[in-house]
Protein backbone atom coordinates (compact mmCIF):
# COMPACT_ATOMS: atom_id res chain seq x y z
CA UNK A 1 67.50 106.15 104.79
CA UNK A 2 64.02 107.04 104.51
CA UNK A 3 62.65 110.12 106.44
CA UNK A 4 59.26 110.25 107.72
CA UNK A 5 57.62 113.39 109.01
CA UNK A 6 54.05 113.38 110.03
CA UNK A 7 51.04 115.61 111.48
CA UNK A 8 47.38 115.12 112.30
CA UNK A 9 46.38 115.50 108.69
CA UNK A 10 49.51 113.52 106.34
CA UNK A 11 52.36 112.29 106.40
CA UNK A 12 55.39 112.84 104.01
CA UNK A 13 57.88 110.18 103.02
CA UNK A 14 61.53 111.95 101.97
CA UNK A 15 64.69 109.76 100.15
CA UNK A 16 67.13 111.22 101.69
CA UNK A 17 70.03 110.09 99.29
CA UNK A 18 73.99 109.77 100.69
CA UNK A 19 76.93 110.59 98.87
CA UNK A 20 78.72 107.36 98.15
CA UNK A 21 81.73 105.35 99.44
CA UNK A 22 84.03 103.86 97.70
CA UNK A 23 82.38 100.60 98.73
CA UNK A 24 79.15 101.55 97.31
CA UNK A 25 81.36 101.59 93.77
CA UNK A 26 82.57 97.89 94.82
CA UNK A 27 78.71 96.15 95.42
CA UNK A 28 77.43 98.23 91.81
CA UNK A 29 80.65 95.47 90.32
CA UNK A 30 83.51 98.93 89.46
CA UNK A 31 86.39 97.57 88.81
CA UNK A 32 89.63 98.88 90.61
CA UNK A 33 92.08 100.53 88.94
CA UNK A 34 95.84 100.81 90.75
CA UNK A 35 98.85 102.88 88.97
CA UNK A 36 101.81 103.93 90.47
CA UNK A 37 103.27 107.20 88.46
CA UNK A 38 105.95 109.07 89.61
CA UNK A 39 106.36 106.56 92.69
CA UNK A 40 102.74 108.19 94.09
CA UNK A 41 100.45 105.13 94.08
CA UNK A 42 96.73 105.60 93.25
CA UNK A 43 93.57 103.48 92.38
CA UNK A 44 89.88 104.89 90.29
CA UNK A 45 87.99 103.26 89.45
CA UNK A 46 85.28 102.31 86.24
CA UNK A 47 82.43 100.80 85.13
CA UNK A 48 81.56 99.83 81.75
CA UNK A 49 77.76 99.74 79.63
CA UNK A 50 77.10 96.55 79.12
CA UNK A 51 80.82 95.03 79.63
CA UNK A 52 81.13 96.55 76.48
CA UNK A 53 84.41 99.70 76.99
CA UNK A 54 84.58 102.66 74.46
CA UNK A 55 80.04 102.09 74.95
CA UNK A 56 79.20 104.54 78.00
CA UNK A 57 81.78 104.49 80.57
CA UNK A 58 82.03 105.60 84.35
CA UNK A 59 84.84 107.18 85.79
CA UNK A 60 85.32 107.98 89.24
CA UNK A 61 87.35 110.28 91.23
CA UNK A 62 91.12 108.95 92.28
CA UNK A 63 91.50 108.28 95.58
CA UNK A 64 94.45 110.70 95.28
CA UNK A 65 91.83 113.28 93.88
CA UNK A 66 89.58 113.10 97.29
CA UNK A 67 92.82 112.88 99.60
CA UNK A 68 94.22 116.59 98.45
CA UNK A 69 90.32 118.35 98.17
CA UNK A 70 90.22 116.65 101.90
CA UNK A 71 86.90 114.85 100.97
CA UNK A 72 85.59 111.32 101.06
CA UNK A 73 82.60 111.11 98.86
CA UNK A 74 83.24 109.46 95.76
CA UNK A 75 81.98 110.88 92.70
CA UNK A 76 81.76 109.23 89.42
CA UNK A 77 81.76 110.68 85.97
CA UNK A 78 80.16 110.14 82.43
CA UNK A 79 82.29 112.15 80.63
CA UNK A 80 82.18 110.50 76.89
CA UNK A 81 77.91 110.44 76.85
CA UNK A 82 78.06 114.67 78.43
CA UNK A 83 81.26 116.19 79.92
CA UNK A 84 79.04 117.56 82.88
CA UNK A 85 77.47 114.80 83.68
CA UNK A 86 78.14 114.22 87.52
CA UNK A 87 76.19 111.43 90.40
CA UNK A 88 77.54 111.17 93.52
CA UNK A 89 74.95 108.99 95.04
CA UNK A 90 74.55 105.02 94.51
CA UNK A 91 71.13 105.32 94.58
CA UNK A 92 71.48 107.56 90.55
CA UNK A 93 73.78 105.49 89.37
CA UNK A 94 72.77 101.94 90.26
CA UNK A 95 68.96 103.83 88.23
CA UNK A 96 71.04 105.40 85.41
CA UNK A 97 72.85 102.05 84.85
CA UNK A 98 70.32 99.59 85.75
CA UNK A 99 68.50 102.46 82.20
CA UNK A 100 70.90 102.13 80.16
CA UNK A 101 71.99 98.84 79.45
CA UNK A 102 68.83 97.49 80.09
CA UNK A 103 68.33 100.09 76.28
CA UNK A 104 71.25 99.23 74.86
CA UNK A 105 71.14 97.71 71.57
CA UNK A 106 73.30 95.09 71.71
CA UNK A 107 71.27 92.89 68.02
CA UNK A 108 73.29 93.06 64.70
CA UNK A 109 73.84 95.81 62.89
CA UNK A 110 72.65 95.80 59.41
């Protein structure tokens, strides 16, 4: 969403970031993981940078956590990079993924 503020002398464009929805995770290529613990089904999403498990994984909230907190907006965590690194909008997580995947060295080490 873009908001434009204008006065006679100039105008300003503000990009207002939307909170992340489940469809955003799907659009970004996150993989859904379905589980059933003690007859309570739940699911969450994950994304492995460059498709390599353990090389920088991103994990979403689970749907049951969202329901418990009464929320509808999803968050993505990068715990194996920094436990405080949390994303709550599609634009930021897309930039993060693009930058890391473009700069991860995949060549063989000597």
